[in-house]
Every structure is written in C-alpha cells, then in structure tokens.
C-alpha cells in the first residue's frame, strides 16, 4: 500500500508518511522528559555493543585457530578423511589471510 501511494497518490503518501511520521505531537514528545536523560543510556548501549563485537571477533578467530590446531595434530596421529583436511586448509587460510 505504501509504494502504491508513493507512486500514484504522492500527496496522500506525503501527508501520511513524510509530514506526519509520528502519531505524537512535539509537545507529547517533550512531556516525556529531557532528551539528555537518554544520553547515558545511549553511551551504555554503545559500550556494550563494542564489547560484544570485540568478544565475538576474538571468539571467531579462536574457534578457527582451535579447528586448525585440532585437525593438524589429529593428522599426525590418526587417519583423517579428506573433507576434514580440506576444512583444515580453509580455516588455515582464513586465519592467516593468504
């Protein structure tokens, strides 16, 4: 419906979506409190997001290194299927970037 309004009835689309994107008025938004109250919450979200992103990246690298090490050592002592060797080579390449 939104695309149809945008293409064929642009003035109505503009009235609904562009001019009045919120059901609240400016006074209703301002009655919720000062916008500066949300600044510490935003900082917390950013810090937590950065921490989780760094943890995820380091975990991903450690998992790749673990797979490479386990398969490489396993190759020395036990016969390993060719598919596992190919997975080892792919993880080795992804760890070292070459």
C-alpha atoms as a PDB file:
ATOM      1  CA  UNK A   1       0.000   0.000   0.000  1.00  0.00           C
ATOM      2  CA  UNK A   2       2.813   2.414   0.831  1.00  0.00           C
ATOM      3  CA  UNK A   3       4.539   2.010  -2.537  1.00  0.00           C
ATOM      4  CA  UNK A   4       1.240   2.341  -4.367  1.00  0.00           C
ATOM      5  CA  UNK A   5       0.557   5.595  -2.518  1.00  0.00           C
ATOM      6  CA  UNK A   6       4.080   6.827  -3.226  1.00  0.00           C
ATOM      7  CA  UNK A   7       3.752   6.236  -6.951  1.00  0.00           C
ATOM      8  CA  UNK A   8       0.108   7.045  -7.683  1.00  0.00           C
ATOM      9  CA  UNK A   9      -1.107   9.270  -4.835  1.00  0.00           C
ATOM     10  CA  UNK A  10       2.022  11.067  -3.779  1.00  0.00           C
ATOM     11  CA  UNK A  11       0.293  13.881  -1.872  1.00  0.00           C
ATOM     12  CA  UNK A  12      -1.541  11.410   0.375  1.00  0.00           C
ATOM     13  CA  UNK A  13       1.696   9.419   0.890  1.00  0.00           C
ATOM     14  CA  UNK A  14       3.497  12.625   1.848  1.00  0.00           C
ATOM     15  CA  UNK A  15       0.729  13.524   4.315  1.00  0.00           C
ATOM     16  CA  UNK A  16       0.779  10.082   5.952  1.00  0.00           C
ATOM     17  CA  UNK A  17       4.452   9.119   5.886  1.00  0.00           C
ATOM     18  CA  UNK A  18       6.574  12.208   5.377  1.00  0.00           C
ATOM     19  CA  UNK A  19       4.761  15.056   7.085  1.00  0.00           C
ATOM     20  CA  UNK A  20       3.351  13.036   9.992  1.00  0.00           C
ATOM     21  CA  UNK A  21       5.737  10.164  10.661  1.00  0.00           C
ATOM     22  CA  UNK A  22       4.626  10.043  14.295  1.00  0.00           C
ATOM     23  CA  UNK A  23       1.264   9.912  15.971  1.00  0.00           C
ATOM     24  CA  UNK A  24       2.610  12.180  18.718  1.00  0.00           C
ATOM     25  CA  UNK A  25       2.948  15.912  18.591  1.00  0.00           C
ATOM     26  CA  UNK A  26       6.103  17.764  19.605  1.00  0.00           C
ATOM     27  CA  UNK A  27       4.508  18.667  22.938  1.00  0.00           C
ATOM     28  CA  UNK A  28       3.779  14.998  23.686  1.00  0.00           C
ATOM     29  CA  UNK A  29       7.374  14.031  22.932  1.00  0.00           C
ATOM     30  CA  UNK A  30       8.708  16.853  25.123  1.00  0.00           C
ATOM     31  CA  UNK A  31       6.432  15.879  28.009  1.00  0.00           C
ATOM     32  CA  UNK A  32       8.326  12.568  28.340  1.00  0.00           C
ATOM     33  CA  UNK A  33      11.306  14.316  29.876  1.00  0.00           C
ATOM     34  CA  UNK A  34      14.558  15.872  28.890  1.00  0.00           C
ATOM     35  CA  UNK A  35      16.375  14.353  25.905  1.00  0.00           C
ATOM     36  CA  UNK A  36      19.587  14.416  27.936  1.00  0.00           C
ATOM     37  CA  UNK A  37      18.203  11.562  30.058  1.00  0.00           C
ATOM     38  CA  UNK A  38      18.741   9.215  27.125  1.00  0.00           C
ATOM     39  CA  UNK A  39      22.402  10.164  26.660  1.00  0.00           C
ATOM     40  CA  UNK A  40      23.750   7.826  29.396  1.00  0.00           C
ATOM     41  CA  UNK A  41      21.581   5.004  28.060  1.00  0.00           C
ATOM     42  CA  UNK A  42      22.991   5.580  24.584  1.00  0.00           C
ATOM     43  CA  UNK A  43      26.552   5.548  25.917  1.00  0.00           C
ATOM     44  CA  UNK A  44      25.854   2.269  27.738  1.00  0.00           C
ATOM     45  CA  UNK A  45      24.434   0.733  24.538  1.00  0.00           C
ATOM     46  CA  UNK A  46      27.494   1.809  22.554  1.00  0.00           C
ATOM     47  CA  UNK A  47      29.951   0.461  25.149  1.00  0.00           C
ATOM     48  CA  UNK A  48      28.112  -2.854  25.496  1.00  0.00           C
ATOM     49  CA  UNK A  49      27.888  -3.172  21.702  1.00  0.00           C
ATOM     50  CA  UNK A  50      31.620  -2.576  21.266  1.00  0.00           C
ATOM     51  CA  UNK A  51      32.451  -5.094  23.990  1.00  0.00           C
ATOM     52  CA  UNK A  52      30.213  -7.757  22.458  1.00  0.00           C
ATOM     53  CA  UNK A  53      31.592  -7.063  18.993  1.00  0.00           C
ATOM     54  CA  UNK A  54      35.169  -7.463  20.206  1.00  0.00           C
ATOM     55  CA  UNK A  55      34.249 -10.640  22.098  1.00  0.00           C
ATOM     56  CA  UNK A  56      32.547 -12.080  19.018  1.00  0.00           C
ATOM     57  CA  UNK A  57      35.502 -11.257  16.766  1.00  0.00           C
ATOM     58  CA  UNK A  58      38.047 -12.745  19.149  1.00  0.00           C
ATOM     59  CA  UNK A  59      35.858 -15.820  19.659  1.00  0.00           C
ATOM     60  CA  UNK A  60      35.573 -16.321  15.896  1.00  0.00           C
ATOM     61  CA  UNK A  61      39.362 -16.147  15.486  1.00  0.00           C
ATOM     62  CA  UNK A  62      39.920 -18.514  18.416  1.00  0.00           C
ATOM     63  CA  UNK A  63      37.462 -21.067  17.011  1.00  0.00           C
ATOM     64  CA  UNK A  64      39.278 -21.042  13.674  1.00  0.00           C
ATOM     65  CA  UNK A  65      42.637 -21.475  15.375  1.00  0.00           C
ATOM     66  CA  UNK A  66      41.236 -24.292  17.532  1.00  0.00           C
ATOM     67  CA  UNK A  67      39.909 -26.161  14.488  1.00  0.00           C
ATOM     68  CA  UNK A  68      43.223 -25.799  12.680  1.00  0.00           C
ATOM     69  CA  UNK A  69      45.227 -26.967  15.680  1.00  0.00           C
ATOM     70  CA  UNK A  70      42.996 -29.962  16.465  1.00  0.00           C
ATOM     71  CA  UNK A  71      42.876 -31.200  12.880  1.00  0.00           C
ATOM     72  CA  UNK A  72      46.597 -30.613  12.342  1.00  0.00           C
ATOM     73  CA  UNK A  73      47.508 -32.608  15.442  1.00  0.00           C
ATOM     74  CA  UNK A  74      44.925 -35.238  14.564  1.00  0.00           C
ATOM     75  CA  UNK A  75      46.529 -35.608  11.129  1.00  0.00           C
ATOM     76  CA  UNK A  76      49.813 -36.543  12.781  1.00  0.00           C
ATOM     77  CA  UNK A  77      48.394 -39.472  14.751  1.00  0.00           C
ATOM     78  CA  UNK A  78      45.172 -40.668  13.076  1.00  0.00           C
ATOM     79  CA  UNK A  79      43.990 -41.035   9.511  1.00  0.00           C
ATOM     80  CA  UNK A  80      41.560 -38.208   8.816  1.00  0.00           C
ATOM     81  CA  UNK A  81      39.015 -38.030   5.963  1.00  0.00           C
ATOM     82  CA  UNK A  82      39.860 -35.789   3.033  1.00  0.00           C
ATOM     83  CA  UNK A  83      36.924 -33.470   3.823  1.00  0.00           C
ATOM     84  CA  UNK A  84      38.338 -32.726   7.268  1.00  0.00           C
ATOM     85  CA  UNK A  85      41.737 -31.954   5.725  1.00  0.00           C
ATOM     86  CA  UNK A  86      40.075 -29.506   3.314  1.00  0.00           C
ATOM     87  CA  UNK A  87      38.251 -27.838   6.220  1.00  0.00           C
ATOM     88  CA  UNK A  88      41.607 -27.549   7.995  1.00  0.00           C
ATOM     89  CA  UNK A  89      43.173 -25.909   4.950  1.00  0.00           C
ATOM     90  CA  UNK A  90      40.256 -23.471   4.572  1.00  0.00           C
ATOM     91  CA  UNK A  91      40.437 -22.465   8.224  1.00  0.00           C
ATOM     92  CA  UNK A  92      44.202 -22.136   7.986  1.00  0.00           C
ATOM     93  CA  UNK A  93      43.825 -19.810   5.013  1.00  0.00           C
ATOM     94  CA  UNK A  94      41.100 -17.796   6.763  1.00  0.00           C
ATOM     95  CA  UNK A  95      43.229 -17.412   9.896  1.00  0.00           C
ATOM     96  CA  UNK A  96      46.278 -16.183   8.024  1.00  0.00           C
ATOM     97  CA  UNK A  97      44.550 -14.300   5.227  1.00  0.00           C
ATOM     98  CA  UNK A  98      46.663 -15.689   2.385  1.00  0.00           C
END
